[in-house]
Amino acid sequence: MKIIKLKGGLGNQMFQYAFAKLIQKRTGEDVKLDFSSYSSLTNDSIRVPRILRFKTTLNSATKSEIRDALVFSHEGNSLSFPYKLGIVAERIFNYKYYFENNRSYINPSKLLSKVYFDGYWQSYIYVDEVFDELKNEFTPIFISDRTMEMSKIMNNQNSIFVGVRRG
């Protein structure tokens, strides 16, 4: 079994989910998602596990499964010194743990011996191989009447979309 840590807002979660699907496809192993980074966030309506609002098929890892994959606890504020020290120690002492040092592409074949993956995985190359699966899974479970009405309006006229990044 492999575990992928999810963190950040919806865009980050989508890249991390795509990487998880790629690892699942390449290994044939069960891949689970670790949402524990969201447990320490309070009063943050942006960074919540919004990926769960889609028709995703990967399951959440249990606390026990996460503890089995990690040597140190990764709970608490990710910006705090103790948390960052725990990440450094994990990288040194846990050969099953992979922390993405930078955001450049790394061939997943080099990582398949790892069990726990902590990173953002923001490369289109991770997405390409599982794109068709993602199109199906990144479908909302529920669409409000207000959203459906706006969709009809936009489909009947020349429209553009402007995304605003908050955070």
Protein backbone atom coordinates (compact mmCIF):
# COMPACT_ATOMS: atom_id res chain seq x y z
CA MET A 1 0.00 0.00 0.00
CA LYS A 2 1.07 3.58 -0.77
CA ILE A 3 -0.07 6.78 0.94
CA ILE A 4 -0.15 10.25 -0.62
CA LYS A 5 -0.38 13.29 1.66
CA LEU A 6 -2.93 15.89 0.60
CA LYS A 7 -2.42 19.51 1.58
CA GLY A 8 -3.24 22.98 0.34
CA GLY A 9 -6.30 24.16 -1.57
CA LEU A 10 -8.33 22.39 -4.24
CA GLY A 11 -5.81 22.92 -7.06
CA ASN A 12 -3.01 21.38 -4.99
CA GLN A 13 -5.28 18.51 -3.97
CA MET A 14 -6.11 17.79 -7.62
CA PHE A 15 -2.42 17.53 -8.54
CA GLN A 16 -1.75 15.31 -5.51
CA TYR A 17 -4.73 13.11 -6.41
CA ALA A 18 -3.48 12.81 -10.00
CA PHE A 19 -0.08 11.71 -8.68
CA ALA A 20 -1.82 9.15 -6.44
CA LYS A 21 -3.72 7.73 -9.43
CA LEU A 22 -0.46 7.55 -11.39
CA ILE A 23 1.28 5.65 -8.58
CA GLN A 24 -1.70 3.29 -8.37
CA LYS A 25 -1.57 2.67 -12.12
CA ARG A 26 2.19 2.12 -12.17
CA THR A 27 2.33 -0.21 -9.14
CA GLY A 28 -1.07 -1.92 -9.13
CA GLU A 29 -1.03 -1.40 -5.36
CA ASP A 30 -3.72 0.08 -3.17
CA VAL A 31 -3.14 3.83 -2.81
CA LYS A 32 -4.73 5.84 -0.01
CA LEU A 33 -4.95 9.53 0.80
CA ASP A 34 -3.72 11.17 4.01
CA PHE A 35 -5.92 14.14 4.98
CA SER A 36 -4.27 14.61 8.39
CA SER A 37 -2.73 17.97 7.43
CA TYR A 38 -6.21 19.49 7.54
CA SER A 39 -6.90 18.43 11.13
CA SER A 40 -4.74 21.22 12.57
CA LEU A 41 -6.27 23.99 10.45
CA THR A 42 -9.00 25.95 12.17
CA ASN A 43 -11.03 28.80 10.75
CA ASP A 44 -9.69 28.16 7.24
CA SER A 45 -12.50 27.71 4.74
CA ILE A 46 -10.11 27.57 1.77
CA ARG A 47 -7.75 24.77 2.74
CA VAL A 48 -10.17 21.96 3.45
CA PRO A 49 -10.39 18.56 1.71
CA ARG A 50 -12.51 19.82 -1.20
CA ILE A 51 -11.42 16.90 -3.37
CA LEU A 52 -14.03 14.88 -1.47
CA ARG A 53 -16.73 16.86 -3.29
CA PHE A 54 -15.84 14.97 -6.47
CA LYS A 55 -16.46 11.39 -7.61
CA THR A 56 -13.02 10.23 -6.51
CA THR A 57 -12.33 6.54 -6.01
CA LEU A 58 -9.29 6.50 -3.70
CA ASN A 59 -9.92 5.88 -0.01
CA SER A 60 -8.59 7.75 2.99
CA ALA A 61 -5.74 6.22 4.96
CA THR A 62 -6.51 5.39 8.58
CA LYS A 63 -4.49 6.85 11.44
CA SER A 64 -3.05 3.39 12.00
CA GLU A 65 -1.93 3.05 8.37
CA ILE A 66 -0.31 6.50 8.52
CA ARG A 67 1.49 5.64 11.78
CA ASP A 68 2.79 2.42 10.19
CA ALA A 69 4.28 4.36 7.25
CA LEU A 70 5.86 7.15 9.29
CA VAL A 71 8.43 7.18 12.08
CA PHE A 72 7.47 10.62 13.45
CA SER A 73 4.16 12.39 13.98
CA HIS A 74 3.35 14.98 11.34
CA GLU A 75 0.54 16.71 13.18
CA GLY A 76 0.33 20.34 14.11
CA ASN A 77 1.07 23.58 12.33
CA SER A 78 3.11 22.86 9.19
CA LEU A 79 4.83 26.24 9.54
CA SER A 80 6.11 25.56 13.05
CA PHE A 81 9.71 24.63 13.83
CA PRO A 82 8.82 21.28 15.52
CA TYR A 83 6.81 20.23 12.46
CA LYS A 84 9.62 21.14 10.06
CA LEU A 85 12.15 19.37 12.29
CA GLY A 86 9.96 16.26 12.16
CA ILE A 87 10.00 16.35 8.35
CA VAL A 88 13.80 16.61 8.30
CA ALA A 89 14.10 13.72 10.76
CA GLU A 90 11.61 11.63 8.75
CA ARG A 91 13.67 12.16 5.60
CA ILE A 92 16.81 10.99 7.40
CA PHE A 93 15.48 7.98 9.30
CA ASN A 94 12.62 6.64 7.18
CA TYR A 95 13.62 5.07 3.87
CA LYS A 96 9.91 4.53 3.01
CA TYR A 97 9.21 8.29 3.11
CA TYR A 98 9.64 10.59 0.12
CA PHE A 99 9.53 14.37 0.46
CA GLU A 100 9.42 16.38 -2.75
CA ASN A 101 12.34 18.83 -2.42
CA ASN A 102 11.28 21.07 -5.26
CA ARG A 103 8.45 21.19 -7.73
CA SER A 104 10.37 19.84 -10.73
CA TYR A 105 9.29 16.59 -12.36
CA ILE A 106 10.84 13.38 -11.09
CA ASN A 107 10.27 10.07 -12.83
CA PRO A 108 7.77 8.13 -10.65
CA SER A 109 9.57 4.88 -11.52
CA LYS A 110 12.41 6.07 -9.27
CA LEU A 111 10.00 6.42 -6.35
CA LEU A 112 8.06 3.15 -6.48
CA SER A 113 9.97 1.64 -3.54
CA LYS A 114 8.62 4.40 -1.29
CA VAL A 115 5.44 4.04 0.74
CA TYR A 116 4.60 7.58 1.86
CA PHE A 117 4.70 10.58 -0.49
CA ASP A 118 4.71 14.20 0.72
CA GLY A 119 4.71 16.84 -1.99
CA TYR A 120 2.68 18.92 -4.41
CA TRP A 121 3.44 17.00 -7.67
CA GLN A 122 2.60 19.97 -9.89
CA SER A 123 3.67 18.75 -13.30
CA TYR A 124 1.38 18.04 -16.23
CA ILE A 125 3.49 14.94 -16.86
CA TYR A 126 2.01 13.26 -13.76
CA VAL A 127 -1.46 14.03 -15.10
CA ASP A 128 -1.03 12.91 -18.74
CA GLU A 129 -0.99 9.17 -18.11
CA VAL A 130 -4.18 9.20 -16.00
CA PHE A 131 -5.99 12.09 -17.70
CA ASP A 132 -8.99 10.08 -18.91
CA GLU A 133 -9.60 8.62 -15.44
CA LEU A 134 -9.29 12.07 -13.88
CA LYS A 135 -11.87 13.56 -16.25
CA ASN A 136 -14.40 11.08 -14.87
CA GLU A 137 -13.38 11.42 -11.24
CA PHE A 138 -13.14 15.22 -11.19
CA THR A 139 -16.89 15.46 -11.67
CA PRO A 140 -18.77 17.13 -8.82
CA ILE A 141 -21.00 14.91 -6.71
CA PHE A 142 -23.52 17.73 -6.31
CA ILE A 143 -24.19 20.83 -8.39
CA SER A 144 -26.45 23.45 -6.86
CA ASP A 145 -29.45 24.90 -8.69
CA ARG A 146 -27.74 28.30 -8.68
CA THR A 147 -24.65 26.84 -10.37
CA MET A 148 -26.78 25.01 -12.95
CA GLU A 149 -28.64 28.24 -13.76
CA MET A 150 -25.35 30.13 -14.20
CA SER A 151 -24.05 27.34 -16.43
CA LYS A 152 -27.09 27.69 -18.68
CA ILE A 153 -26.60 31.45 -18.92
CA MET A 154 -22.91 31.06 -19.77
CA ASN A 155 -23.60 28.38 -22.40
CA ASN A 156 -26.04 30.68 -24.20
CA GLN A 157 -23.65 33.60 -24.65
CA ASN A 158 -20.03 34.44 -25.31
CA SER A 159 -18.45 33.87 -21.86
CA ILE A 160 -15.08 33.88 -20.18
CA PHE A 161 -13.94 32.66 -16.77
CA VAL A 162 -11.64 34.56 -14.44
CA GLY A 163 -10.15 32.62 -11.52
CA VAL A 164 -9.10 34.48 -8.42
CA ARG A 165 -6.41 32.89 -6.24
CA ARG A 166 -7.01 33.65 -2.60
CA GLY A 167 -4.15 32.74 -0.34
